[in-house]
Structures are given as C-alpha cells and as structure tokens.
Amino acid sequence: MKGRFAFAAAVVLLCLGSLAQADVFNLGTGFTNLETVTVGDPGNAGELSGRPDSEYYGPQRMCGSVGYSYGIGKYEVTIAQYCDFLNHKAKSDAYGLYNSNMGSIRWGCNIQRSGASGNYTYSVVAQYANMPIHYVTFWDACRFANWLNNGQGDGDTETGSYSLNPEDIINNAVVRNVGAKWAVTSEDEWFKAAYYKGGGTDAGYWDFPTRNDFPNYPGTDRSDRSGNNANTWPTDANGSFSPFTEVGTFLNSPSPYGTFDQGGNVSEWTETIMWGTRRNVRGGSSYYEDDAGIYSMNRFSYDAGAIPPPDYYDIIGFRLTHIETGWQAVPEPSSTLALLTGMAGIGGFAIRKRK
C-alpha cells in the first residue's frame, strides 16, 4: 500500500523584475509534500554486501534486514522541497544549510539566494525544481528530517529525529532517536527498498534497483519503455542543461517496492556510520558515470565531519524514512550472524574516485 504524507502545498511565483518570469518558484509560504511507499515483509533475511578486494568499497556486512514495516521516500528529496526548507529555516543560515555551489546553473541546483542575513530568501527555476537536491551534507539531511518531524514551518532543526549537539556532530556520534517519525534512511532500510524482492522473509535480492540481475546493467535510455534504465550516464552525454534528471523520469524502472532513482541521478546519504567521521552512501550518480554505485555489492562512504570539504557533496542527496508510530530499535535477524562472522560493520571506509 502506498502511503502519502501530503502537506498543504502552495507554489508561489516569484517575480524577479517581471511578472512574466512565471517559471521561478519560491516555496517559502508553502509546505513540503513528500510521497512515500510502504516497505513491508518485516524480519526479512539480509544479504552480504561489500567488496573486501578493493580499497574503494566498504567492509562486508549483512545488509537489508529490517524488523519493521516503514515508509520510504518514493523519490529523492527534490530541489524545490529543499528550497522550501531554506525559506523557512535559513533566513540567517546559522547552520550553513545553503552551500554557495547550489547556485551553479549547470553543476549545482540553481537555488539562488537573495537579500541579507536575517532576511535571506531562496528561489529555483522550474526546470530544476523536481531534480534531486545535492551539495548537501549529512547534517543538512538530518536537519531536514528534524524539521519534518517537528511539523515543518518554524519547526526546530536541532532536536526531534536527531539530537544535533555540537560535540556529537564533531565526533560523528549522532544516532536516530527513539520515537522519530522522519529520518534519513539507514543503510538497511535503503538497501531493502532498493533490492529486496519482497513477498516473504526469504525472497532474495536483485543485483540492481531496477529489478534486474548482473550482468544486465541498467541502460540510460529515457525513451525505453521496457524498463531497466537509470541516470548513470557521463555528465555531458545527454547534452542537456544538467547531468541530473527529474525524479521519477524512468517510469518503467521502479525498485521492487516502487521507489525511483535508487540507481543513478544522485548518490544518497544513509545514517549508518562506517568509520570515524564517515557515513554510508548508497546508489550511483550521473555526475561521474557511476554505474558501479548501483550494484548491490558495492558499499561507499563519505566524510560527514563537522566542517567537511564542500566538493564532496556535488553528487550526494538523500531520501527519508517515515514511520508513522515512531521508530523503535528492533533486533534484526542478520545482526547475530554478522557479529559471529566479524562482518558487522561500522569499520572501514571507501572513497570514490572522480572520473
């Protein structure tokens, strides 16, 4: 069953010197509308993921076992949705929610900031609005989740799903709070939604989030109605204004549970700690011709440090988990096996090379 958690949506046309510019959205007076799909089959078996033979892939662990049903974003959080967030919570931008690289017309999100601190406003043109947000840190994603958890609008960004005190941020020690209704997906939640075949607790996993197996890698053809396509092409191959596509562009290539773009477009933060200040990142991206990132065996991580290098985030966005009754820690069937085999993993890391 699909769950829709819709909030009153209002799109306000922003006039930038002319009322004719009706393709510019300023969502500051509206509310973010997130659509989720339900991931059931609680207590499912996990699958070993990771590539110990390469320094670029994370340590092996059992992935995808989740002991509860949950909702997950049908799409990646979009630029328009994040722009709405900025208009509510970044008028002064004390937490650096806006990265200046977001303003880039080709490689960024084309989110433009106007005004002075205390009265900043943000806008995005229509052709970018439904593309995935990127140039975001893991902490940006946590603050977005807190904001939704606290009712949007003037909702707090520092408490709720995550308690974002400075010391825990520096030490990368922030974990999901009990009772959280909106959260950055965990690696297990993300992995299950992308690859698990569903229909039972031992159904197995696809290799790719388009319901296909190796060596049948997804193609990149938006006009192919047969499915098994994803946005993993080189940045200049499509000749368009951006390497990214609108979320849900590949209508015939959903994951088993009905999500889109878990293969390609942007890579996505998960809340799972890998090692030190690094958090797990899943999914390939279009920016670096990254078809390796969509293969279920490959794990990656990026630095989630308190003051991270900004160029880390040109390919990374996020999607959220929703649990209507509030999240509770549930022992997962794979945890005992992972512990006994020494493969449970918060250690190790991987770094993607730019091509």
Protein backbone atom coordinates (compact mmCIF):
# COMPACT_ATOMS: atom_id res chain seq x y z
CA MET A 1 0.00 0.00 0.00
CA LYS A 2 1.30 3.42 -0.84
CA GLY A 3 1.39 5.96 1.93
CA ARG A 4 1.02 9.59 1.08
CA PHE A 5 2.02 12.11 3.66
CA ALA A 6 0.93 15.26 1.94
CA PHE A 7 1.05 18.65 3.46
CA ALA A 8 -0.70 21.71 2.10
CA ALA A 9 1.33 22.65 -0.96
CA ALA A 10 1.48 26.13 -2.35
CA VAL A 11 3.66 27.27 -5.20
CA VAL A 12 4.18 30.99 -5.21
CA LEU A 13 5.51 32.55 -8.38
CA LEU A 14 8.45 34.79 -7.62
CA CYS A 15 8.73 37.90 -9.75
CA LEU A 16 12.34 38.80 -10.44
CA GLY A 17 11.75 42.15 -12.04
CA SER A 18 8.99 40.89 -14.30
CA LEU A 19 5.72 39.05 -13.78
CA ALA A 20 6.47 37.21 -17.00
CA GLN A 21 9.02 35.05 -15.19
CA ALA A 22 6.42 32.51 -14.11
CA ASP A 23 8.89 29.62 -14.20
CA VAL A 24 10.55 30.64 -10.92
CA PHE A 25 9.30 29.01 -7.73
CA ASN A 26 9.63 30.49 -4.26
CA LEU A 27 8.16 27.94 -1.90
CA GLY A 28 8.65 29.88 1.32
CA THR A 29 4.93 30.18 2.03
CA GLY A 30 4.09 26.60 1.15
CA PHE A 31 4.84 23.22 2.71
CA THR A 32 6.90 20.32 1.57
CA ASN A 33 4.97 17.41 0.10
CA LEU A 34 6.72 14.06 0.40
CA GLU A 35 5.31 10.88 -1.09
CA THR A 36 6.32 7.54 0.40
CA VAL A 37 5.87 3.88 -0.44
CA THR A 38 5.49 1.13 2.14
CA VAL A 39 8.25 -1.43 2.62
CA GLY A 40 6.76 -4.46 4.34
CA ASP A 41 7.99 -8.03 4.89
CA PRO A 42 9.38 -7.26 8.38
CA GLY A 43 12.05 -9.60 9.69
CA ASN A 44 13.42 -10.44 6.25
CA ALA A 45 16.81 -12.04 5.79
CA GLY A 46 19.76 -9.86 4.86
CA GLU A 47 22.38 -10.23 2.15
CA LEU A 48 26.15 -9.92 2.37
CA SER A 49 27.33 -6.70 0.73
CA GLY A 50 30.73 -5.09 0.37
CA ARG A 51 33.90 -5.75 -1.60
CA PRO A 52 36.91 -6.66 0.57
CA ASP A 53 39.09 -6.97 -2.54
CA SER A 54 39.14 -3.23 -3.19
CA GLU A 55 40.09 -0.19 -1.13
CA TYR A 56 37.24 1.74 -2.74
CA TYR A 57 34.46 -0.42 -1.34
CA GLY A 58 33.37 -0.66 2.26
CA PRO A 59 33.78 -3.61 4.58
CA GLN A 60 31.44 -6.53 4.15
CA ARG A 61 28.32 -6.73 6.30
CA MET A 62 24.86 -8.25 6.12
CA CYS A 63 22.58 -5.58 4.64
CA GLY A 64 18.85 -5.18 4.14
CA SER A 65 17.33 -6.99 7.12
CA VAL A 66 14.71 -4.75 8.74
CA GLY A 67 12.49 -5.91 11.58
CA TYR A 68 9.61 -3.48 10.99
CA SER A 69 7.48 -2.05 8.21
CA TYR A 70 8.25 1.51 7.20
CA GLY A 71 7.64 4.13 4.58
CA ILE A 72 10.44 5.40 2.39
CA GLY A 73 10.54 8.35 0.04
CA LYS A 74 9.26 7.32 -3.36
CA TYR A 75 11.67 9.89 -4.76
CA GLU A 76 14.83 11.62 -3.65
CA VAL A 77 14.20 14.90 -1.84
CA THR A 78 13.91 17.50 -4.59
CA ILE A 79 15.48 20.89 -5.07
CA ALA A 80 12.08 22.58 -4.68
CA GLN A 81 11.45 20.78 -1.38
CA TYR A 82 14.85 21.79 -0.04
CA CYS A 83 14.30 25.34 -1.27
CA ASP A 84 11.11 25.41 0.80
CA PHE A 85 13.13 24.26 3.80
CA LEU A 86 15.67 27.05 3.24
CA ASN A 87 12.96 29.69 3.07
CA HIS A 88 11.65 28.54 6.44
CA LYS A 89 14.88 27.83 8.29
CA ALA A 90 17.77 29.66 6.61
CA LYS A 91 16.80 33.31 6.78
CA SER A 92 20.06 33.85 8.65
CA ASP A 93 21.50 30.42 7.84
CA ALA A 94 23.39 29.91 11.08
CA TYR A 95 23.86 26.21 10.26
CA GLY A 96 25.11 26.63 6.71
CA LEU A 97 22.14 24.86 5.11
CA TYR A 98 22.81 26.70 1.86
CA ASN A 99 26.03 25.85 0.02
CA SER A 100 27.06 28.55 -2.46
CA ASN A 101 27.69 25.80 -5.02
CA MET A 102 23.93 25.20 -5.03
CA GLY A 103 23.62 28.38 -7.08
CA SER A 104 25.50 26.93 -10.06
CA ILE A 105 23.36 26.75 -13.16
CA ARG A 106 24.95 23.63 -14.69
CA TRP A 107 26.51 21.57 -11.88
CA GLY A 108 24.53 22.81 -8.92
CA CYS A 109 20.85 23.11 -8.07
CA ASN A 110 20.26 26.64 -9.40
CA ILE A 111 18.95 27.70 -5.99
CA GLN A 112 19.52 31.43 -5.86
CA ARG A 113 19.80 33.32 -2.57
CA SER A 114 18.69 36.94 -2.31
CA GLY A 115 18.69 39.56 0.41
CA ALA A 116 20.82 39.97 3.51
CA SER A 117 21.38 37.75 6.54
CA GLY A 118 18.23 37.69 8.63
CA ASN A 119 16.11 38.15 5.53
CA TYR A 120 17.54 35.68 3.05
CA THR A 121 15.08 34.25 0.51
CA TYR A 122 15.65 31.38 -1.90
CA SER A 123 14.27 30.54 -5.31
CA VAL A 124 14.69 27.92 -8.04
CA VAL A 125 13.61 27.91 -11.67
CA ALA A 126 11.00 25.38 -12.72
CA GLN A 127 13.26 23.21 -14.89
CA TYR A 128 15.38 22.39 -11.83
CA ALA A 129 12.62 22.20 -9.23
CA ASN A 130 11.92 18.45 -9.49
CA MET A 131 15.53 17.35 -9.76
CA PRO A 132 17.19 15.88 -6.65
CA ILE A 133 18.84 18.20 -4.16
CA HIS A 134 22.63 17.80 -3.93
CA TYR A 135 25.57 19.69 -2.41
CA VAL A 136 24.10 18.72 0.96
CA THR A 137 25.99 17.38 3.95
CA PHE A 138 24.76 14.56 6.13
CA TRP A 139 23.90 17.15 8.80
CA ASP A 140 21.79 19.11 6.31
CA ALA A 141 19.81 15.92 5.73
CA CYS A 142 19.40 15.37 9.49
CA ARG A 143 18.15 18.93 9.95
CA PHE A 144 15.65 18.48 7.13
CA ALA A 145 14.39 15.31 8.84
CA ASN A 146 14.12 17.11 12.19
CA TRP A 147 12.18 19.89 10.51
CA LEU A 148 9.64 17.47 9.08
CA ASN A 149 9.48 15.57 12.36
CA ASN A 150 8.65 18.85 14.11
CA GLY A 151 5.83 19.81 11.75
CA GLN A 152 7.74 21.93 9.19
CA GLY A 153 7.08 25.68 9.23
CA ASP A 154 9.04 27.03 12.18
CA GLY A 155 9.80 23.50 13.43
CA ASP A 156 13.16 23.06 15.15
CA THR A 157 16.08 21.63 13.18
CA GLU A 158 18.29 20.62 16.12
CA THR A 159 16.03 18.23 18.02
CA GLY A 160 13.48 15.57 17.18
CA SER A 161 14.63 12.71 14.99
CA TYR A 162 18.25 13.55 15.87
CA SER A 163 19.77 15.47 18.77
CA LEU A 164 22.33 17.60 16.99
CA ASN A 165 24.56 18.86 19.77
CA PRO A 166 27.95 20.16 18.55
CA GLU A 167 30.08 17.61 20.40
CA ASP A 168 28.23 14.63 18.93
CA ILE A 169 28.41 16.17 15.46
CA ILE A 170 32.17 16.59 15.77
CA ASN A 171 32.52 13.01 16.97
CA ASN A 172 30.06 11.67 14.38
CA ALA A 173 28.14 10.09 17.26
CA VAL A 174 24.61 11.21 16.37
CA VAL A 175 22.11 8.36 16.08
CA ARG A 176 18.38 8.21 15.40
CA ASN A 177 16.23 8.98 18.43
CA VAL A 178 13.54 6.59 19.62
CA GLY A 179 10.16 7.94 18.51
CA ALA A 180 11.48 9.55 15.31
CA LYS A 181 8.84 9.61 12.57
CA TRP A 182 11.00 11.07 9.82
CA ALA A 183 14.66 10.11 9.47
CA VAL A 184 17.47 9.81 6.97
CA THR A 185 17.29 6.22 5.72
CA SER A 186 19.55 3.70 7.38
CA GLU A 187 21.65 1.56 5.07
CA ASP A 188 19.44 -1.45 5.82
CA GLU A 189 16.24 0.49 5.07
CA TRP A 190 17.75 1.87 1.88
CA PHE A 191 19.16 -1.49 0.75
CA LYS A 192 15.93 -3.37 1.37
CA ALA A 193 13.80 -0.82 -0.53
CA ALA A 194 16.21 -0.90 -3.47
CA TYR A 195 17.00 -4.61 -3.84
CA TYR A 196 14.79 -6.94 -1.78
CA LYS A 197 12.35 -8.89 -3.98
CA GLY A 198 9.56 -8.87 -1.38
CA GLY A 199 6.67 -11.21 -0.82
CA GLY A 200 8.13 -13.01 2.18
CA THR A 201 11.01 -13.03 4.62
CA ASP A 202 13.46 -15.02 2.46
CA ALA A 203 12.68 -13.76 -1.04
CA GLY A 204 16.23 -12.83 -2.01
CA TYR A 205 17.69 -9.70 -3.56
CA TRP A 206 18.13 -8.23 -7.01
CA ASP A 207 21.58 -7.01 -8.05
CA PHE A 208 20.20 -3.70 -9.31
CA PRO A 209 17.37 -1.48 -8.02
CA THR A 210 15.56 -1.83 -11.34
CA ARG A 211 14.59 -5.46 -10.63
CA ASN A 212 17.41 -6.90 -12.70
CA ASP A 213 20.50 -9.01 -12.07
CA PHE A 214 24.12 -8.94 -13.19
CA PRO A 215 25.29 -8.76 -15.96
CA ASN A 216 22.16 -6.96 -17.16
CA TYR A 217 23.27 -3.48 -16.08
CA PRO A 218 20.62 -0.77 -16.40
CA GLY A 219 20.76 1.33 -19.53
CA THR A 220 20.32 5.10 -19.72
CA ASP A 221 17.58 5.49 -22.31
CA ARG A 222 14.69 7.63 -21.07
CA SER A 223 12.59 6.64 -24.10
CA ASP A 224 12.98 2.89 -23.48
CA ARG A 225 9.60 1.77 -22.17
CA SER A 226 10.79 -1.74 -21.30
CA GLY A 227 12.37 -0.65 -18.03
CA ASN A 228 15.83 -1.34 -16.55
CA ASN A 229 17.16 2.17 -17.08
CA ALA A 230 18.81 4.64 -14.72
CA ASN A 231 20.56 8.00 -14.91
CA THR A 232 24.19 6.87 -14.76
CA TRP A 233 25.46 8.45 -17.96
CA PRO A 234 28.52 10.73 -18.21
CA THR A 235 27.79 14.34 -17.41
CA ASP A 236 27.98 15.62 -20.98
CA ALA A 237 26.47 12.66 -22.81
CA ASN A 238 22.88 13.87 -22.85
CA GLY A 239 23.73 17.42 -23.89
CA SER A 240 21.17 18.97 -21.55
CA PHE A 241 21.48 21.81 -19.08
CA SER A 242 22.19 19.46 -16.18
CA PRO A 243 23.52 15.93 -15.67
CA PHE A 244 20.55 15.23 -13.41
CA THR A 245 17.03 14.22 -14.38
CA GLU A 246 13.72 14.97 -12.71
CA VAL A 247 12.92 12.40 -10.04
CA GLY A 248 10.84 9.53 -11.39
CA THR A 249 11.89 10.13 -15.01
CA PHE A 250 12.41 6.40 -15.61
CA LEU A 251 8.78 5.43 -15.09
CA ASN A 252 9.27 1.78 -16.04
CA SER A 253 12.27 1.23 -13.80
CA PRO A 254 10.99 1.24 -10.21
CA SER A 255 12.55 -0.76 -7.40
CA PRO A 256 10.64 -3.81 -6.08
CA TYR A 257 8.71 -1.63 -3.62
CA GLY A 258 8.07 1.22 -6.06
CA THR A 259 10.83 3.74 -5.36
CA PHE A 260 12.60 5.60 -8.15
CA ASP A 261 16.20 6.69 -8.73
CA GLN A 262 17.82 4.48 -6.14
CA GLY A 263 20.02 3.69 -9.11
CA GLY A 264 21.62 6.81 -10.56
CA ASN A 265 20.78 10.51 -10.55
CA VAL A 266 22.45 11.34 -7.21
CA SER A 267 24.05 9.13 -4.60
CA GLU A 268 22.26 9.25 -1.25
CA TRP A 269 23.34 9.64 2.35
CA THR A 270 22.29 6.98 4.82
CA GLU A 271 22.56 7.42 8.58
CA THR A 272 24.76 4.34 9.01
CA ILE A 273 28.20 5.10 10.48
CA MET A 274 31.01 3.43 8.56
CA TRP A 275 34.19 4.57 10.31
CA GLY A 276 35.42 7.68 12.10
CA THR A 277 33.58 10.65 10.64
CA ARG A 278 32.34 8.72 7.63
CA ARG A 279 28.72 7.78 6.84
CA ASN A 280 27.46 5.24 4.35
CA VAL A 281 26.35 6.48 0.92
CA ARG A 282 24.32 4.33 -1.47
CA GLY A 283 23.26 4.47 -5.10
CA GLY A 284 25.12 5.58 -8.19
CA SER A 285 25.16 9.08 -9.65
CA SER A 286 25.06 10.63 -13.09
CA TYR A 287 27.85 13.05 -12.27
CA TYR A 288 30.71 10.55 -12.52
CA GLU A 289 29.24 7.94 -14.90
CA ASP A 290 28.79 5.91 -11.76
CA ASP A 291 27.11 2.66 -12.70
CA ALA A 292 29.24 0.82 -10.10
CA GLY A 293 27.35 2.59 -7.34
CA ILE A 294 24.04 0.98 -8.20
CA TYR A 295 25.30 -2.60 -7.83
CA SER A 296 24.10 -4.10 -4.54
CA MET A 297 27.54 -5.49 -3.64
CA ASN A 298 29.24 -2.11 -3.57
CA ARG A 299 29.34 -0.01 -0.40
CA PHE A 300 30.70 3.53 -0.20
CA SER A 301 31.19 6.22 2.40
CA TYR A 302 31.85 9.95 2.59
CA ASP A 303 33.10 12.25 5.30
CA ALA A 304 30.32 13.64 7.47
CA GLY A 305 32.69 15.80 9.53
CA ALA A 306 31.51 18.99 11.21
CA ILE A 307 33.33 21.13 8.61
CA PRO A 308 33.63 18.86 5.55
CA PRO A 309 35.19 19.78 2.20
CA PRO A 310 32.31 21.19 0.10
CA ASP A 311 33.28 19.37 -3.10
CA TYR A 312 32.37 16.05 -1.51
CA TYR A 313 28.71 16.78 -1.94
CA ASP A 314 28.29 17.62 -5.60
CA ILE A 315 26.82 14.17 -6.23
CA ILE A 316 25.07 13.42 -2.92
CA GLY A 317 21.42 13.91 -1.99
CA PHE A 318 19.12 11.95 0.29
CA ARG A 319 15.69 10.42 0.84
CA LEU A 320 13.81 9.89 4.07
CA THR A 321 12.26 7.06 6.03
CA HIS A 322 8.83 7.57 7.59
CA ILE A 323 7.46 5.53 10.50
CA GLU A 324 4.01 6.73 11.49
CA THR A 325 4.10 5.28 15.01
CA GLY A 326 7.65 6.41 15.68
CA TRP A 327 10.84 4.39 15.35
CA GLN A 328 11.80 1.79 17.96
CA ALA A 329 15.04 -0.18 17.95
CA VAL A 330 14.29 -3.73 16.78
CA PRO A 331 16.90 -6.53 16.79
CA GLU A 332 17.42 -7.66 13.23
CA PRO A 333 17.83 -11.32 12.20
CA SER A 334 21.15 -10.68 10.50
CA SER A 335 22.78 -8.99 13.50
CA THR A 336 23.76 -12.16 15.31
CA LEU A 337 25.26 -13.72 12.20
CA ALA A 338 27.15 -10.54 11.40
CA LEU A 339 28.58 -10.40 14.91
CA LEU A 340 29.69 -14.03 14.87
CA THR A 341 31.36 -13.75 11.50
CA GLY A 342 33.05 -10.46 12.31
CA MET A 343 31.41 -8.73 9.40
CA ALA A 344 29.13 -6.34 11.23
CA GLY A 345 30.28 -3.13 10.05
CA ILE A 346 30.91 0.25 11.27
CA GLY A 347 34.60 -0.01 10.48
CA GLY A 348 36.40 0.70 7.25
CA PHE A 349 35.61 3.15 4.51
CA ALA A 350 35.57 3.72 0.80
CA ILE A 351 36.31 6.71 -1.36
CA ARG A 352 35.05 7.09 -4.89
CA LYS A 353 37.44 8.37 -7.47
CA ARG A 354 36.27 11.09 -9.80
CA LYS A 355 36.43 10.09 -13.40
